[in-house]
Amino acid sequence: MRDEIDEYLIVATAELTAARQTLAQSIRSYPTPISGCDAQFNHLLAQRKKVDRALAALAAEPFVPTPRHPDPRERIESR
């Protein structure tokens, strides 16, 4: 199962990287002048930020908290 999940993460990273490259090309080729209220350009920037955040989340080490009570029947903390 671990290999299957790793494969999904590899595919997700590859797809997000491709999406980022497509967005970068769209932003580079966007006609000038660009005004601050250009909704289409701002949408491209917002999409790029979402993709960047998703890529960062996939690359980050997850924080998994340890339970304070290893066994729910025990009332002893695991510190």
PDB file of N, CA and C in Angstrom:
ATOM      1  N   MET A   1       0.824  -1.193   0.000  1.00  0.00           N
ATOM      2  CA  MET A   1       0.000   0.000   0.000  1.00  0.00           C
ATOM      3  C   MET A   1       0.866   1.254   0.000  1.00  0.00           C
ATOM      4  N   ARG A   2       1.989   1.199   0.693  1.00  0.00           N
ATOM      5  CA  ARG A   2       2.890   2.355   0.750  1.00  0.00           C
ATOM      6  C   ARG A   2       3.373   2.741  -0.645  1.00  0.00           C
ATOM      7  N   ASP A   3       3.724   1.731  -1.473  1.00  0.00           N
ATOM      8  CA  ASP A   3       4.187   2.005  -2.827  1.00  0.00           C
ATOM      9  C   ASP A   3       3.096   2.661  -3.664  1.00  0.00           C
ATOM     10  N   GLU A   4       1.866   2.218  -3.467  1.00  0.00           N
ATOM     11  CA  GLU A   4       0.741   2.788  -4.214  1.00  0.00           C
ATOM     12  C   GLU A   4       0.541   4.260  -3.850  1.00  0.00           C
ATOM     13  N   ILE A   5       0.617   4.569  -2.581  1.00  0.00           N
ATOM     14  CA  ILE A   5       0.463   5.957  -2.131  1.00  0.00           C
ATOM     15  C   ILE A   5       1.613   6.805  -2.653  1.00  0.00           C
ATOM     16  N   ASP A   6       2.836   6.276  -2.581  1.00  0.00           N
ATOM     17  CA  ASP A   6       3.981   7.015  -3.125  1.00  0.00           C
ATOM     18  C   ASP A   6       3.797   7.303  -4.607  1.00  0.00           C
ATOM     19  N   GLU A   7       3.252   6.353  -5.332  1.00  0.00           N
ATOM     20  CA  GLU A   7       3.013   6.545  -6.765  1.00  0.00           C
ATOM     21  C   GLU A   7       1.998   7.664  -7.005  1.00  0.00           C
ATOM     22  N   TYR A   8       0.945   7.681  -6.190  1.00  0.00           N
ATOM     23  CA  TYR A   8      -0.048   8.765  -6.299  1.00  0.00           C
ATOM     24  C   TYR A   8       0.586  10.121  -6.021  1.00  0.00           C
ATOM     25  N   LEU A   9       1.454  10.181  -5.025  1.00  0.00           N
ATOM     26  CA  LEU A   9       2.116  11.443  -4.700  1.00  0.00           C
ATOM     27  C   LEU A   9       3.041  11.891  -5.825  1.00  0.00           C
ATOM     28  N   ILE A  10       3.722  10.945  -6.465  1.00  0.00           N
ATOM     29  CA  ILE A  10       4.593  11.272  -7.597  1.00  0.00           C
ATOM     30  C   ILE A  10       3.768  11.819  -8.757  1.00  0.00           C
ATOM     31  N   VAL A  11       2.648  11.171  -9.035  1.00  0.00           N
ATOM     32  CA  VAL A  11       1.781  11.620 -10.130  1.00  0.00           C
ATOM     33  C   VAL A  11       1.201  13.001  -9.810  1.00  0.00           C
ATOM     34  N   ALA A  12       0.755  13.197  -8.580  1.00  0.00           N
ATOM     35  CA  ALA A  12       0.195  14.499  -8.190  1.00  0.00           C
ATOM     36  C   ALA A  12       1.235  15.601  -8.324  1.00  0.00           C
ATOM     37  N   THR A  13       2.461  15.328  -7.894  1.00  0.00           N
ATOM     38  CA  THR A  13       3.532  16.317  -8.015  1.00  0.00           C
ATOM     39  C   THR A  13       3.827  16.627  -9.470  1.00  0.00           C
ATOM     40  N   ALA A  14       3.859  15.605 -10.305  1.00  0.00           N
ATOM     41  CA  ALA A  14       4.121  15.817 -11.733  1.00  0.00           C
ATOM     42  C   ALA A  14       3.009  16.634 -12.383  1.00  0.00           C
ATOM     43  N   GLU A  15       1.772  16.331 -12.048  1.00  0.00           N
ATOM     44  CA  GLU A  15       0.648  17.078 -12.621  1.00  0.00           C
ATOM     45  C   GLU A  15       0.641  18.537 -12.161  1.00  0.00           C
ATOM     46  N   LEU A  16       0.923  18.752 -10.883  1.00  0.00           N
ATOM     47  CA  LEU A  16       0.975  20.126 -10.382  1.00  0.00           C
ATOM     48  C   LEU A  16       2.140  20.900 -10.985  1.00  0.00           C
ATOM     49  N   THR A  17       3.262  20.229 -11.201  1.00  0.00           N
ATOM     50  CA  THR A  17       4.405  20.879 -11.839  1.00  0.00           C
ATOM     51  C   THR A  17       4.059  21.261 -13.277  1.00  0.00           C
ATOM     52  N   ALA A  18       3.366  20.384 -13.982  1.00  0.00           N
ATOM     53  CA  ALA A  18       2.930  20.693 -15.352  1.00  0.00           C
ATOM     54  C   ALA A  18       1.949  21.862 -15.355  1.00  0.00           C
ATOM     55  N   ALA A  19       1.046  21.878 -14.386  1.00  0.00           N
ATOM     56  CA  ALA A  19       0.092  22.983 -14.280  1.00  0.00           C
ATOM     57  C   ALA A  19       0.815  24.300 -14.009  1.00  0.00           C
ATOM     58  N   ARG A  20       1.838  24.253 -13.157  1.00  0.00           N
ATOM     59  CA  ARG A  20       2.601  25.466 -12.864  1.00  0.00           C
ATOM     60  C   ARG A  20       3.324  25.969 -14.104  1.00  0.00           C
ATOM     61  N   GLN A  21       3.874  25.065 -14.909  1.00  0.00           N
ATOM     62  CA  GLN A  21       4.549  25.470 -16.143  1.00  0.00           C
ATOM     63  C   GLN A  21       3.560  26.086 -17.132  1.00  0.00           C
ATOM     64  N   THR A  22       2.368  25.514 -17.233  1.00  0.00           N
ATOM     65  CA  THR A  22       1.340  26.068 -18.107  1.00  0.00           C
ATOM     66  C   THR A  22       0.927  27.457 -17.642  1.00  0.00           C
ATOM     67  N   LEU A  23       0.741  27.610 -16.340  1.00  0.00           N
ATOM     68  CA  LEU A  23       0.380  28.923 -15.791  1.00  0.00           C
ATOM     69  C   LEU A  23       1.495  29.936 -16.023  1.00  0.00           C
ATOM     70  N   ALA A  24       2.747  29.508 -15.829  1.00  0.00           N
ATOM     71  CA  ALA A  24       3.873  30.423 -16.043  1.00  0.00           C
ATOM     72  C   ALA A  24       3.906  30.891 -17.498  1.00  0.00           C
ATOM     73  N   GLN A  25       3.652  29.983 -18.431  1.00  0.00           N
ATOM     74  CA  GLN A  25       3.631  30.358 -19.852  1.00  0.00           C
ATOM     75  C   GLN A  25       2.478  31.324 -20.127  1.00  0.00           C
ATOM     76  N   SER A  26       1.322  31.078 -19.534  1.00  0.00           N
ATOM     77  CA  SER A  26       0.173  31.971 -19.725  1.00  0.00           C
ATOM     78  C   SER A  26       0.455  33.357 -19.163  1.00  0.00           C
ATOM     79  N   ILE A  27       1.113  33.409 -18.019  1.00  0.00           N
ATOM     80  CA  ILE A  27       1.448  34.699 -17.400  1.00  0.00           C
ATOM     81  C   ILE A  27       2.481  35.431 -18.246  1.00  0.00           C
ATOM     82  N   ARG A  28       3.505  34.698 -18.730  1.00  0.00           N
ATOM     83  CA  ARG A  28       4.533  35.330 -19.571  1.00  0.00           C
ATOM     84  C   ARG A  28       3.963  35.883 -20.868  1.00  0.00           C
ATOM     85  N   SER A  29       3.011  35.163 -21.452  1.00  0.00           N
ATOM     86  CA  SER A  29       2.477  35.585 -22.743  1.00  0.00           C
ATOM     87  C   SER A  29       1.261  36.494 -22.628  1.00  0.00           C
ATOM     88  N   TYR A  30       0.907  36.871 -21.417  1.00  0.00           N
ATOM     89  CA  TYR A  30      -0.256  37.736 -21.222  1.00  0.00           C
ATOM     90  C   TYR A  30       0.020  39.101 -21.839  1.00  0.00           C
ATOM     91  N   PRO A  31      -0.929  39.646 -22.598  1.00  0.00           N
ATOM     92  CA  PRO A  31      -0.683  40.928 -23.264  1.00  0.00           C
ATOM     93  C   PRO A  31      -0.526  42.078 -22.269  1.00  0.00           C
ATOM     94  N   THR A  32       0.349  42.995 -22.591  1.00  0.00           N
ATOM     95  CA  THR A  32       0.562  44.186 -21.773  1.00  0.00           C
ATOM     96  C   THR A  32      -0.308  45.306 -22.311  1.00  0.00           C
ATOM     97  N   PRO A  33      -0.586  46.343 -21.623  1.00  0.00           N
ATOM     98  CA  PRO A  33      -0.266  46.592 -20.223  1.00  0.00           C
ATOM     99  C   PRO A  33      -1.187  45.810 -19.291  1.00  0.00           C
ATOM    100  N   ILE A  34      -0.671  45.544 -18.108  1.00  0.00           N
ATOM    101  CA  ILE A  34      -1.428  44.826 -17.087  1.00  0.00           C
ATOM    102  C   ILE A  34      -1.839  45.834 -16.019  1.00  0.00           C
ATOM    103  N   SER A  35      -3.123  45.948 -15.830  1.00  0.00           N
ATOM    104  CA  SER A  35      -3.584  46.856 -14.774  1.00  0.00           C
ATOM    105  C   SER A  35      -3.885  46.039 -13.527  1.00  0.00           C
ATOM    106  N   GLY A  36      -3.947  46.716 -12.413  1.00  0.00           N
ATOM    107  CA  GLY A  36      -4.200  46.037 -11.144  1.00  0.00           C
ATOM    108  C   GLY A  36      -5.591  45.437 -11.051  1.00  0.00           C
ATOM    109  N   CYS A  37      -6.485  45.865 -11.918  1.00  0.00           N
ATOM    110  CA  CYS A  37      -7.856  45.358 -11.848  1.00  0.00           C
ATOM    111  C   CYS A  37      -8.157  44.388 -12.992  1.00  0.00           C
ATOM    112  N   ASP A  38      -7.146  43.846 -13.607  1.00  0.00           N
ATOM    113  CA  ASP A  38      -7.324  42.884 -14.689  1.00  0.00           C
ATOM    114  C   ASP A  38      -7.688  41.534 -14.075  1.00  0.00           C
ATOM    115  N   ALA A  39      -8.951  41.190 -14.106  1.00  0.00           N
ATOM    116  CA  ALA A  39      -9.454  39.997 -13.420  1.00  0.00           C
ATOM    117  C   ALA A  39      -8.845  38.710 -13.972  1.00  0.00           C
ATOM    118  N   GLN A  40      -8.665  38.608 -15.267  1.00  0.00           N
ATOM    119  CA  GLN A  40      -8.115  37.387 -15.849  1.00  0.00           C
ATOM    120  C   GLN A  40      -6.668  37.171 -15.416  1.00  0.00           C
ATOM    121  N   PHE A  41      -5.873  38.244 -15.427  1.00  0.00           N
ATOM    122  CA  PHE A  41      -4.481  38.121 -15.005  1.00  0.00           C
ATOM    123  C   PHE A  41      -4.401  37.794 -13.514  1.00  0.00           C
ATOM    124  N   ASN A  42      -5.225  38.465 -12.728  1.00  0.00           N
ATOM    125  CA  ASN A  42      -5.243  38.193 -11.291  1.00  0.00           C
ATOM    126  C   ASN A  42      -5.676  36.756 -11.008  1.00  0.00           C
ATOM    127  N   HIS A  43      -6.581  36.224 -11.827  1.00  0.00           N
ATOM    128  CA  HIS A  43      -6.997  34.832 -11.672  1.00  0.00           C
ATOM    129  C   HIS A  43      -5.817  33.894 -11.951  1.00  0.00           C
ATOM    130  N   LEU A  44      -5.024  34.186 -12.972  1.00  0.00           N
ATOM    131  CA  LEU A  44      -3.835  33.380 -13.262  1.00  0.00           C
ATOM    132  C   LEU A  44      -2.868  33.395 -12.085  1.00  0.00           C
ATOM    133  N   LEU A  45      -2.655  34.566 -11.504  1.00  0.00           N
ATOM    134  CA  LEU A  45      -1.762  34.674 -10.346  1.00  0.00           C
ATOM    135  C   LEU A  45      -2.303  33.880  -9.151  1.00  0.00           C
ATOM    136  N   ALA A  46      -3.619  33.937  -8.942  1.00  0.00           N
ATOM    137  CA  ALA A  46      -4.226  33.199  -7.837  1.00  0.00           C
ATOM    138  C   ALA A  46      -4.098  31.687  -8.058  1.00  0.00           C
ATOM    139  N   GLN A  47      -4.286  31.256  -9.288  1.00  0.00           N
ATOM    140  CA  GLN A  47      -4.142  29.838  -9.600  1.00  0.00           C
ATOM    141  C   GLN A  47      -2.704  29.378  -9.378  1.00  0.00           C
ATOM    142  N   ARG A  48      -1.747  30.211  -9.765  1.00  0.00           N
ATOM    143  CA  ARG A  48      -0.340  29.879  -9.557  1.00  0.00           C
ATOM    144  C   ARG A  48      -0.034  29.725  -8.064  1.00  0.00           C
ATOM    145  N   LYS A  49      -0.598  30.619  -7.264  1.00  0.00           N
ATOM    146  CA  LYS A  49      -0.372  30.545  -5.813  1.00  0.00           C
ATOM    147  C   LYS A  49      -0.972  29.261  -5.233  1.00  0.00           C
ATOM    148  N   LYS A  50      -2.157  28.857  -5.704  1.00  0.00           N
ATOM    149  CA  LYS A  50      -2.769  27.617  -5.231  1.00  0.00           C
ATOM    150  C   LYS A  50      -1.916  26.412  -5.597  1.00  0.00           C
ATOM    151  N   VAL A  51      -1.384  26.395  -6.811  1.00  0.00           N
ATOM    152  CA  VAL A  51      -0.536  25.287  -7.243  1.00  0.00           C
ATOM    153  C   VAL A  51       0.748  25.266  -6.420  1.00  0.00           C
ATOM    154  N   ASP A  52       1.341  26.450  -6.203  1.00  0.00           N
ATOM    155  CA  ASP A  52       2.565  26.524  -5.390  1.00  0.00           C
ATOM    156  C   ASP A  52       2.327  25.996  -3.976  1.00  0.00           C
ATOM    157  N   ARG A  53       1.192  26.356  -3.387  1.00  0.00           N
ATOM    158  CA  ARG A  53       0.880  25.883  -2.038  1.00  0.00           C
ATOM    159  C   ARG A  53       0.674  24.369  -2.013  1.00  0.00           C
ATOM    160  N   ALA A  54       0.030  23.846  -3.037  1.00  0.00           N
ATOM    161  CA  ALA A  54      -0.186  22.398  -3.101  1.00  0.00           C
ATOM    162  C   ALA A  54       1.145  21.663  -3.251  1.00  0.00           C
ATOM    163  N   LEU A  55       2.037  22.180  -4.086  1.00  0.00           N
ATOM    164  CA  LEU A  55       3.356  21.564  -4.245  1.00  0.00           C
ATOM    165  C   LEU A  55       4.148  21.627  -2.937  1.00  0.00           C
ATOM    166  N   ALA A  56       4.065  22.760  -2.249  1.00  0.00           N
ATOM    167  CA  ALA A  56       4.765  22.893  -0.964  1.00  0.00           C
ATOM    168  C   ALA A  56       4.199  21.913   0.065  1.00  0.00           C
ATOM    169  N   ALA A  57       2.894  21.734   0.055  1.00  0.00           N
ATOM    170  CA  ALA A  57       2.274  20.801   1.003  1.00  0.00           C
ATOM    171  C   ALA A  57       2.712  19.364   0.717  1.00  0.00           C
ATOM    172  N   LEU A  58       2.842  19.014  -0.548  1.00  0.00           N
ATOM    173  CA  LEU A  58       3.289  17.661  -0.890  1.00  0.00           C
ATOM    174  C   LEU A  58       4.751  17.440  -0.519  1.00  0.00           C
ATOM    175  N   ALA A  59       5.547  18.490  -0.585  1.00  0.00           N
ATOM    176  CA  ALA A  59       6.974  18.362  -0.295  1.00  0.00           C
ATOM    177  C   ALA A  59       7.278  18.411   1.201  1.00  0.00           C
ATOM    178  N   ALA A  60       6.376  18.987   1.975  1.00  0.00           N
ATOM    179  CA  ALA A  60       6.620  19.170   3.409  1.00  0.00           C
ATOM    180  C   ALA A  60       6.479  17.851   4.160  1.00  0.00           C
ATOM    181  N   GLU A  61       7.266  17.729   5.212  1.00  0.00           N
ATOM    182  CA  GLU A  61       7.136  16.581   6.105  1.00  0.00           C
ATOM    183  C   GLU A  61       5.899  16.800   6.966  1.00  0.00           C
ATOM    184  N   PRO A  62       5.001  15.833   7.007  1.00  0.00           N
ATOM    185  CA  PRO A  62       3.795  16.024   7.812  1.00  0.00           C
ATOM    186  C   PRO A  62       4.098  15.946   9.307  1.00  0.00           C
ATOM    187  N   PHE A  63       3.354  16.719  10.062  1.00  0.00           N
ATOM    188  CA  PHE A  63       3.442  16.662  11.512  1.00  0.00           C
ATOM    189  C   PHE A  63       2.354  15.709  11.994  1.00  0.00           C
ATOM    190  N   VAL A  64       2.769  14.652  12.652  1.00  0.00           N
ATOM    191  CA  VAL A  64       1.819  13.683  13.190  1.00  0.00           C
ATOM    192  C   VAL A  64       1.955  13.706  14.707  1.00  0.00           C
ATOM    193  N   PRO A  65       0.967  14.257  15.387  1.00  0.00           N
ATOM    194  CA  PRO A  65       1.071  14.322  16.845  1.00  0.00           C
ATOM    195  C   PRO A  65       0.953  12.928  17.446  1.00  0.00           C
ATOM    196  N   THR A  66       1.676  12.729  18.504  1.00  0.00           N
ATOM    197  CA  THR A  66       1.560  11.453  19.210  1.00  0.00           C
ATOM    198  C   THR A  66       0.433  11.570  20.226  1.00  0.00           C
ATOM    199  N   PRO A  67      -0.288  10.504  20.438  1.00  0.00           N
ATOM    200  CA  PRO A  67      -1.403  10.588  21.384  1.00  0.00           C
ATOM    201  C   PRO A  67      -0.902  10.676  22.821  1.00  0.00           C
ATOM    202  N   ARG A  68      -1.624  11.401  23.613  1.00  0.00           N
ATOM    203  CA  ARG A  68      -1.273  11.506  25.031  1.00  0.00           C
ATOM    204  C   ARG A  68      -1.671  10.237  25.773  1.00  0.00           C
ATOM    205  N   HIS A  69      -2.674   9.586  25.288  1.00  0.00           N
ATOM    206  CA  HIS A  69      -3.136   8.335  25.890  1.00  0.00           C
ATOM    207  C   HIS A  69      -2.974   7.232  24.844  1.00  0.00           C
ATOM    208  N   PRO A  70      -1.889   6.443  24.925  1.00  0.00           N
ATOM    209  CA  PRO A  70      -1.673   5.402  23.929  1.00  0.00           C
ATOM    210  C   PRO A  70      -2.827   4.402  23.840  1.00  0.00           C
ATOM    211  N   ASP A  71      -3.413   4.105  24.962  1.00  0.00           N
ATOM    212  CA  ASP A  71      -4.548   3.192  25.006  1.00  0.00           C
ATOM    213  C   ASP A  71      -5.702   3.945  25.649  1.00  0.00           C
ATOM    214  N   PRO A  72      -6.846   4.045  24.977  1.00  0.00           N
ATOM    215  CA  PRO A  72      -7.957   4.823  25.540  1.00  0.00           C
ATOM    216  C   PRO A  72      -8.430   4.339  26.901  1.00  0.00           C
ATOM    217  N   ARG A  73      -8.165   3.064  27.211  1.00  0.00           N
ATOM    218  CA  ARG A  73      -8.606   2.523  28.508  1.00  0.00           C
ATOM    219  C   ARG A  73      -7.684   2.953  29.641  1.00  0.00           C
ATOM    220  N   GLU A  74      -6.470   3.377  29.284  1.00  0.00           N
ATOM    221  CA  GLU A  74      -5.533   3.821  30.315  1.00  0.00           C
ATOM    222  C   GLU A  74      -5.676   5.321  30.519  1.00  0.00           C
ATOM    223  N   ARG A  75      -5.471   5.747  31.704  1.00  0.00           N
ATOM    224  CA  ARG A  75      -5.568   7.178  32.022  1.00  0.00           C
ATOM    225  C   ARG A  75      -4.185   7.772  32.270  1.00  0.00           C
ATOM    226  N   ILE A  76      -3.155   7.129  31.755  1.00  0.00           N
ATOM    227  CA  ILE A  76      -1.785   7.577  31.979  1.00  0.00           C
ATOM    228  C   ILE A  76      -1.288   8.258  30.704  1.00  0.00           C
ATOM    229  N   GLU A  77      -0.765   9.451  30.863  1.00  0.00           N
ATOM    230  CA  GLU A  77      -0.234  10.154  29.703  1.00  0.00           C
ATOM    231  C   GLU A  77       1.074   9.531  29.265  1.00  0.00           C
ATOM    232  N   SER A  78       1.412   9.707  27.993  1.00  0.00           N
ATOM    233  CA  SER A  78       2.604   9.085  27.438  1.00  0.00           C
ATOM    234  C   SER A  78       3.835   9.973  27.504  1.00  0.00           C
ATOM    235  N   ARG A  79       3.820  11.000  28.303  1.00  0.00           N
ATOM    236  CA  ARG A  79       4.983  11.898  28.395  1.00  0.00           C
ATOM    237  C   ARG A  79       6.135  11.252  29.070  1.00  0.00           C
TER     238      ARG A  79
END
